[in-house]
Amino acid sequence: MSDKLRSNIPNLLLMVKPKHFGFNSETAHSNHFQNNSSINNLKAVVDNCFEKVLQVFNQNGIAYKIFEDQEESSPDAVFSNNWISSDPKGRVTLYPMFTKSRRNEVRKDIADWVMEVTNGNELIDLTNQAAQQFF
């Protein structure tokens, strides 16, 4: 592989802790994976699953960085891969989110962190495209 190209294989995962994870009625109509679960202890189940994932990462030497979910109205915040990406050329891209509740998930502190740890050389912010209904 050329020294000019960087690997596209991730060596560090970005995770958002599922503090407010749950059903989002605003996005449900466009997300067929989502359903309104009647699990009474959903938060406990989700927290337990999150901790199990971290255990597997730790046991296998997988590095990760956890960010806290900051918005009570962001049940989808764990899906940061929907609004941010990085590529081997050093570009970090922020994408527009279709629903207003999901737009709250886009965070400068996370974008700054990704730029730093990936040695990003260009931040492409497409979030303003939501105003023109481009997604």
N, C-alpha and C. Protein backbone atom coordinates (compact mmCIF):
# COMPACT_ATOMS: atom_id res chain seq x y z
N MET A 1 0.85 -1.18 0.00
CA MET A 1 0.00 0.00 0.00
C MET A 1 0.89 1.23 0.00
N SER A 2 0.51 2.22 -0.75
CA SER A 2 1.27 3.46 -0.84
C SER A 2 1.25 4.22 0.48
N ASP A 3 2.36 4.90 0.79
CA ASP A 3 2.41 5.73 1.99
C ASP A 3 1.44 6.89 1.90
N LYS A 4 1.02 7.23 0.69
CA LYS A 4 0.11 8.36 0.49
C LYS A 4 -1.33 8.01 0.88
N LEU A 5 -1.64 6.74 0.96
CA LEU A 5 -2.99 6.31 1.32
C LEU A 5 -3.00 5.81 2.76
N ARG A 6 -4.01 6.21 3.49
CA ARG A 6 -4.17 5.71 4.84
C ARG A 6 -5.22 4.60 4.84
N SER A 7 -5.11 3.71 5.79
CA SER A 7 -6.04 2.60 5.89
C SER A 7 -7.45 3.09 6.14
N ASN A 8 -8.39 2.38 5.57
CA ASN A 8 -9.80 2.65 5.82
C ASN A 8 -10.36 1.67 6.84
N ILE A 9 -9.50 0.92 7.50
CA ILE A 9 -9.91 -0.02 8.53
C ILE A 9 -9.91 0.72 9.87
N PRO A 10 -11.04 0.80 10.54
CA PRO A 10 -11.07 1.57 11.79
C PRO A 10 -10.23 0.91 12.88
N ASN A 11 -9.54 1.74 13.65
CA ASN A 11 -8.79 1.24 14.79
C ASN A 11 -9.26 1.89 16.09
N LEU A 12 -10.33 2.66 16.00
CA LEU A 12 -10.91 3.33 17.16
C LEU A 12 -12.38 3.59 16.86
N LEU A 13 -13.24 3.20 17.78
CA LEU A 13 -14.68 3.35 17.58
C LEU A 13 -15.23 4.53 18.39
N LEU A 14 -16.13 5.25 17.79
CA LEU A 14 -16.85 6.33 18.45
C LEU A 14 -18.18 5.75 18.91
N MET A 15 -18.47 5.90 20.18
CA MET A 15 -19.73 5.36 20.73
C MET A 15 -20.46 6.50 21.47
N VAL A 16 -21.77 6.53 21.33
CA VAL A 16 -22.59 7.44 22.12
C VAL A 16 -23.39 6.58 23.08
N LYS A 17 -23.22 6.85 24.36
CA LYS A 17 -23.91 6.06 25.39
C LYS A 17 -25.42 6.22 25.25
N PRO A 18 -26.16 5.14 25.27
CA PRO A 18 -27.61 5.19 25.01
C PRO A 18 -28.43 5.67 26.21
N LYS A 19 -28.19 6.88 26.63
CA LYS A 19 -28.88 7.44 27.79
C LYS A 19 -30.39 7.62 27.56
N HIS A 20 -30.76 8.05 26.35
CA HIS A 20 -32.17 8.32 26.05
C HIS A 20 -32.68 7.45 24.91
N PHE A 21 -32.05 6.31 24.68
CA PHE A 21 -32.41 5.43 23.57
C PHE A 21 -33.86 4.97 23.68
N GLY A 22 -34.53 4.93 22.55
CA GLY A 22 -35.91 4.44 22.55
C GLY A 22 -36.60 4.73 21.23
N PHE A 23 -37.88 4.53 21.24
CA PHE A 23 -38.70 4.74 20.05
C PHE A 23 -38.77 6.22 19.71
N ASN A 24 -38.63 6.53 18.43
CA ASN A 24 -38.72 7.91 17.96
C ASN A 24 -39.85 7.99 16.96
N SER A 25 -40.97 8.53 17.38
CA SER A 25 -42.15 8.60 16.51
C SER A 25 -41.90 9.49 15.29
N GLU A 26 -40.97 10.42 15.41
CA GLU A 26 -40.67 11.33 14.30
C GLU A 26 -39.94 10.61 13.16
N THR A 27 -39.18 9.57 13.48
CA THR A 27 -38.41 8.86 12.46
C THR A 27 -38.99 7.49 12.11
N ALA A 28 -39.94 7.03 12.86
CA ALA A 28 -40.46 5.66 12.68
C ALA A 28 -41.02 5.40 11.29
N HIS A 29 -41.66 6.39 10.70
CA HIS A 29 -42.27 6.18 9.38
C HIS A 29 -41.24 5.95 8.27
N SER A 30 -40.01 6.41 8.47
CA SER A 30 -38.98 6.23 7.44
C SER A 30 -37.92 5.20 7.84
N ASN A 31 -38.14 4.50 8.94
CA ASN A 31 -37.16 3.52 9.42
C ASN A 31 -37.90 2.22 9.75
N HIS A 32 -37.87 1.28 8.83
CA HIS A 32 -38.63 0.04 9.04
C HIS A 32 -37.99 -0.88 10.09
N PHE A 33 -36.78 -0.56 10.55
CA PHE A 33 -36.15 -1.35 11.62
C PHE A 33 -36.68 -0.95 13.00
N GLN A 34 -37.31 0.19 13.07
CA GLN A 34 -37.76 0.72 14.35
C GLN A 34 -39.19 0.26 14.64
N ASN A 35 -39.41 -0.15 15.87
CA ASN A 35 -40.77 -0.48 16.28
C ASN A 35 -40.96 -0.05 17.73
N ASN A 36 -42.18 0.23 18.06
CA ASN A 36 -42.50 0.73 19.40
C ASN A 36 -42.61 -0.45 20.35
N SER A 37 -41.50 -0.78 20.96
CA SER A 37 -41.43 -1.93 21.85
C SER A 37 -42.19 -1.68 23.14
N SER A 38 -42.77 -2.72 23.66
CA SER A 38 -43.50 -2.60 24.93
C SER A 38 -42.67 -3.13 26.10
N ILE A 39 -41.34 -3.17 25.92
CA ILE A 39 -40.46 -3.64 26.99
C ILE A 39 -40.51 -2.62 28.12
N ASN A 40 -40.91 -3.07 29.31
CA ASN A 40 -41.05 -2.17 30.45
C ASN A 40 -39.72 -1.64 30.94
N ASN A 41 -38.70 -2.44 30.88
CA ASN A 41 -37.39 -2.06 31.41
C ASN A 41 -36.40 -1.84 30.28
N LEU A 42 -36.83 -1.16 29.22
CA LEU A 42 -36.00 -0.97 28.04
C LEU A 42 -34.65 -0.33 28.39
N LYS A 43 -34.64 0.68 29.23
CA LYS A 43 -33.38 1.35 29.58
C LYS A 43 -32.41 0.37 30.21
N ALA A 44 -32.88 -0.48 31.13
CA ALA A 44 -32.01 -1.47 31.77
C ALA A 44 -31.48 -2.48 30.75
N VAL A 45 -32.32 -2.91 29.83
CA VAL A 45 -31.91 -3.86 28.80
C VAL A 45 -30.85 -3.23 27.90
N VAL A 46 -31.10 -2.01 27.47
CA VAL A 46 -30.16 -1.31 26.59
C VAL A 46 -28.83 -1.06 27.31
N ASP A 47 -28.91 -0.60 28.56
CA ASP A 47 -27.68 -0.36 29.34
C ASP A 47 -26.87 -1.65 29.50
N ASN A 48 -27.55 -2.75 29.76
CA ASN A 48 -26.88 -4.04 29.90
C ASN A 48 -26.20 -4.46 28.59
N CYS A 49 -26.90 -4.30 27.49
CA CYS A 49 -26.33 -4.65 26.18
C CYS A 49 -25.11 -3.78 25.87
N PHE A 50 -25.19 -2.50 26.19
CA PHE A 50 -24.07 -1.59 25.96
C PHE A 50 -22.85 -2.03 26.76
N GLU A 51 -23.07 -2.37 28.02
CA GLU A 51 -21.96 -2.83 28.87
C GLU A 51 -21.36 -4.13 28.34
N LYS A 52 -22.19 -5.03 27.83
CA LYS A 52 -21.68 -6.29 27.25
C LYS A 52 -20.83 -6.02 26.01
N VAL A 53 -21.25 -5.09 25.19
CA VAL A 53 -20.46 -4.72 24.01
C VAL A 53 -19.10 -4.19 24.45
N LEU A 54 -19.09 -3.33 25.45
CA LEU A 54 -17.82 -2.78 25.95
C LEU A 54 -16.93 -3.89 26.50
N GLN A 55 -17.51 -4.88 27.16
CA GLN A 55 -16.73 -6.01 27.66
C GLN A 55 -16.05 -6.76 26.51
N VAL A 56 -16.80 -6.99 25.45
CA VAL A 56 -16.25 -7.69 24.28
C VAL A 56 -15.12 -6.85 23.68
N PHE A 57 -15.33 -5.55 23.57
CA PHE A 57 -14.27 -4.68 23.04
C PHE A 57 -13.02 -4.79 23.91
N ASN A 58 -13.21 -4.70 25.22
CA ASN A 58 -12.08 -4.76 26.15
C ASN A 58 -11.35 -6.09 26.06
N GLN A 59 -12.09 -7.18 25.98
CA GLN A 59 -11.49 -8.51 25.90
C GLN A 59 -10.70 -8.72 24.61
N ASN A 60 -11.06 -7.95 23.59
CA ASN A 60 -10.42 -8.14 22.29
C ASN A 60 -9.52 -6.98 21.90
N GLY A 61 -9.23 -6.10 22.84
CA GLY A 61 -8.31 -5.00 22.57
C GLY A 61 -8.82 -3.99 21.57
N ILE A 62 -10.12 -3.82 21.48
CA ILE A 62 -10.70 -2.85 20.55
C ILE A 62 -10.84 -1.52 21.27
N ALA A 63 -10.22 -0.49 20.72
CA ALA A 63 -10.24 0.83 21.34
C ALA A 63 -11.54 1.56 21.01
N TYR A 64 -12.03 2.33 21.95
CA TYR A 64 -13.26 3.09 21.75
C TYR A 64 -13.23 4.34 22.60
N LYS A 65 -14.06 5.30 22.20
CA LYS A 65 -14.26 6.54 22.95
C LYS A 65 -15.75 6.69 23.12
N ILE A 66 -16.19 6.90 24.36
CA ILE A 66 -17.61 7.04 24.65
C ILE A 66 -17.94 8.51 24.88
N PHE A 67 -18.96 8.97 24.19
CA PHE A 67 -19.52 10.29 24.42
C PHE A 67 -20.88 10.11 25.07
N GLU A 68 -21.21 11.00 25.98
CA GLU A 68 -22.52 10.96 26.64
C GLU A 68 -23.58 11.57 25.71
N ASP A 69 -24.75 10.97 25.70
CA ASP A 69 -25.91 11.52 25.00
C ASP A 69 -26.33 12.76 25.79
N GLN A 70 -26.45 13.90 25.12
CA GLN A 70 -26.73 15.14 25.82
C GLN A 70 -28.14 15.66 25.68
N GLU A 71 -28.89 15.13 24.77
CA GLU A 71 -30.23 15.64 24.50
C GLU A 71 -31.29 14.62 24.90
N GLU A 72 -32.23 15.03 25.74
CA GLU A 72 -33.31 14.12 26.12
C GLU A 72 -34.19 13.77 24.93
N SER A 73 -34.22 14.65 23.94
CA SER A 73 -35.06 14.42 22.77
C SER A 73 -34.31 13.70 21.65
N SER A 74 -33.23 12.99 21.99
CA SER A 74 -32.43 12.30 20.98
C SER A 74 -32.36 10.80 21.23
N PRO A 75 -33.46 10.09 21.00
CA PRO A 75 -33.45 8.64 21.24
C PRO A 75 -32.58 7.87 20.24
N ASP A 76 -32.17 8.52 19.15
CA ASP A 76 -31.36 7.87 18.12
C ASP A 76 -29.89 8.27 18.18
N ALA A 77 -29.48 8.93 19.25
CA ALA A 77 -28.12 9.48 19.33
C ALA A 77 -27.02 8.43 19.19
N VAL A 78 -27.33 7.19 19.50
CA VAL A 78 -26.31 6.13 19.40
C VAL A 78 -25.89 5.89 17.95
N PHE A 79 -26.66 6.36 17.01
CA PHE A 79 -26.38 6.13 15.59
C PHE A 79 -25.60 7.29 14.99
N SER A 80 -24.47 7.62 15.59
CA SER A 80 -23.65 8.75 15.12
C SER A 80 -23.15 8.52 13.69
N ASN A 81 -23.05 7.27 13.28
CA ASN A 81 -22.60 6.97 11.91
C ASN A 81 -23.56 7.53 10.87
N ASN A 82 -24.76 7.94 11.27
CA ASN A 82 -25.70 8.54 10.33
C ASN A 82 -25.35 9.99 10.00
N TRP A 83 -24.60 10.64 10.87
CA TRP A 83 -24.33 12.06 10.64
C TRP A 83 -22.85 12.43 10.52
N ILE A 84 -21.94 11.50 10.76
CA ILE A 84 -20.51 11.82 10.63
C ILE A 84 -19.75 10.65 10.03
N SER A 85 -18.76 10.97 9.20
CA SER A 85 -17.87 9.94 8.66
C SER A 85 -16.49 10.55 8.46
N SER A 86 -15.51 9.65 8.38
CA SER A 86 -14.15 10.07 8.04
C SER A 86 -13.65 9.13 6.95
N ASP A 87 -12.70 9.62 6.15
CA ASP A 87 -12.19 8.77 5.09
C ASP A 87 -10.66 8.78 5.09
N PRO A 88 -10.05 7.88 4.35
CA PRO A 88 -8.59 7.76 4.36
C PRO A 88 -7.84 9.01 3.86
N LYS A 89 -8.54 9.89 3.16
CA LYS A 89 -7.89 11.11 2.66
C LYS A 89 -7.90 12.23 3.70
N GLY A 90 -8.42 11.95 4.90
CA GLY A 90 -8.40 12.94 5.97
C GLY A 90 -9.62 13.85 6.00
N ARG A 91 -10.65 13.51 5.25
CA ARG A 91 -11.87 14.32 5.25
C ARG A 91 -12.83 13.80 6.31
N VAL A 92 -13.39 14.71 7.06
CA VAL A 92 -14.45 14.39 8.02
C VAL A 92 -15.69 15.11 7.51
N THR A 93 -16.76 14.35 7.32
CA THR A 93 -17.97 14.91 6.74
C THR A 93 -19.12 14.83 7.74
N LEU A 94 -19.85 15.94 7.86
CA LEU A 94 -21.06 16.01 8.68
C LEU A 94 -22.24 16.06 7.72
N TYR A 95 -23.21 15.17 7.93
CA TYR A 95 -24.33 15.03 7.01
C TYR A 95 -25.61 15.65 7.57
N PRO A 96 -26.49 16.14 6.69
CA PRO A 96 -27.77 16.67 7.15
C PRO A 96 -28.68 15.53 7.60
N MET A 97 -29.45 15.80 8.63
CA MET A 97 -30.38 14.81 9.16
C MET A 97 -31.79 15.22 8.75
N PHE A 98 -32.59 14.25 8.38
CA PHE A 98 -33.93 14.50 7.85
C PHE A 98 -34.87 15.11 8.89
N THR A 99 -34.90 14.57 10.08
CA THR A 99 -35.85 15.06 11.09
C THR A 99 -35.17 16.03 12.05
N LYS A 100 -35.96 16.95 12.56
CA LYS A 100 -35.43 17.97 13.48
C LYS A 100 -34.83 17.35 14.74
N SER A 101 -35.46 16.32 15.26
CA SER A 101 -34.94 15.70 16.48
C SER A 101 -33.55 15.09 16.25
N ARG A 102 -33.29 14.59 15.07
CA ARG A 102 -31.99 13.99 14.77
C ARG A 102 -30.93 15.05 14.53
N ARG A 103 -31.32 16.24 14.14
CA ARG A 103 -30.35 17.32 13.91
C ARG A 103 -29.65 17.71 15.20
N ASN A 104 -30.31 17.49 16.34
CA ASN A 104 -29.70 17.80 17.64
C ASN A 104 -28.53 16.88 17.96
N GLU A 105 -28.42 15.78 17.27
CA GLU A 105 -27.35 14.81 17.53
C GLU A 105 -26.00 15.27 17.00
N VAL A 106 -25.99 16.11 15.98
CA VAL A 106 -24.75 16.57 15.37
C VAL A 106 -24.05 17.48 16.38
N ARG A 107 -22.84 17.07 16.77
CA ARG A 107 -22.15 17.78 17.86
C ARG A 107 -20.74 18.21 17.46
N LYS A 108 -20.44 19.46 17.76
CA LYS A 108 -19.13 20.02 17.47
C LYS A 108 -18.04 19.30 18.24
N ASP A 109 -18.29 18.95 19.52
CA ASP A 109 -17.25 18.29 20.30
C ASP A 109 -16.86 16.94 19.69
N ILE A 110 -17.83 16.23 19.15
CA ILE A 110 -17.53 14.94 18.51
C ILE A 110 -16.80 15.18 17.19
N ALA A 111 -17.27 16.14 16.40
CA ALA A 111 -16.60 16.44 15.13
C ALA A 111 -15.15 16.88 15.38
N ASP A 112 -14.94 17.72 16.39
CA ASP A 112 -13.57 18.16 16.72
C ASP A 112 -12.70 16.97 17.13
N TRP A 113 -13.26 16.06 17.92
CA TRP A 113 -12.51 14.88 18.36
C TRP A 113 -12.13 14.01 17.16
N VAL A 114 -13.09 13.77 16.26
CA VAL A 114 -12.81 12.95 15.08
C VAL A 114 -11.73 13.61 14.23
N MET A 115 -11.81 14.92 14.05
CA MET A 115 -10.78 15.63 13.29
C MET A 115 -9.41 15.41 13.93
N GLU A 116 -9.35 15.49 15.25
CA GLU A 116 -8.08 15.35 15.96
C GLU A 116 -7.51 13.94 15.85
N VAL A 117 -8.32 12.93 16.16
CA VAL A 117 -7.79 11.57 16.21
C VAL A 117 -7.52 10.97 14.83
N THR A 118 -8.17 11.50 13.81
CA THR A 118 -7.92 11.00 12.46
C THR A 118 -6.92 11.87 11.71
N ASN A 119 -6.39 12.89 12.40
CA ASN A 119 -5.52 13.87 11.73
C ASN A 119 -6.22 14.43 10.51
N GLY A 120 -7.50 14.73 10.70
CA GLY A 120 -8.30 15.26 9.60
C GLY A 120 -7.73 16.56 9.06
N ASN A 121 -7.82 16.71 7.74
CA ASN A 121 -7.31 17.91 7.10
C ASN A 121 -8.41 18.74 6.47
N GLU A 122 -9.65 18.21 6.48
CA GLU A 122 -10.76 18.96 5.89
C GLU A 122 -12.06 18.54 6.58
N LEU A 123 -12.80 19.53 7.04
CA LEU A 123 -14.13 19.28 7.60
C LEU A 123 -15.15 19.75 6.58
N ILE A 124 -15.96 18.81 6.10
CA ILE A 124 -17.01 19.11 5.13
C ILE A 124 -18.33 19.09 5.88
N ASP A 125 -18.92 20.24 6.05
CA ASP A 125 -20.15 20.37 6.82
C ASP A 125 -21.33 20.55 5.87
N LEU A 126 -22.09 19.50 5.70
CA LEU A 126 -23.26 19.52 4.81
C LEU A 126 -24.56 19.72 5.58
N THR A 127 -24.47 19.95 6.89
CA THR A 127 -25.68 20.01 7.71
C THR A 127 -26.63 21.13 7.29
N ASN A 128 -26.09 22.20 6.72
CA ASN A 128 -26.95 23.30 6.29
C ASN A 128 -27.85 22.92 5.10
N GLN A 129 -27.55 21.79 4.48
CA GLN A 129 -28.38 21.32 3.36
C GLN A 129 -29.79 20.91 3.79
N ALA A 130 -29.96 20.68 5.10
CA ALA A 130 -31.29 20.32 5.61
C ALA A 130 -32.29 21.43 5.35
N ALA A 131 -31.84 22.68 5.41
CA ALA A 131 -32.73 23.80 5.17
C ALA A 131 -33.30 23.79 3.75
N GLN A 132 -32.56 23.22 2.79
CA GLN A 132 -33.02 23.10 1.42
C GLN A 132 -33.65 21.73 1.14
N GLN A 133 -33.84 20.95 2.21
CA GLN A 133 -34.42 19.61 2.10
C GLN A 133 -33.56 18.65 1.29
N PHE A 134 -32.22 18.82 1.35
CA PHE A 134 -31.29 17.89 0.72
C PHE A 134 -30.72 16.98 1.79
N PHE A 135 -30.93 15.67 1.62
CA PHE A 135 -30.48 14.70 2.63
C PHE A 135 -29.68 13.60 2.00
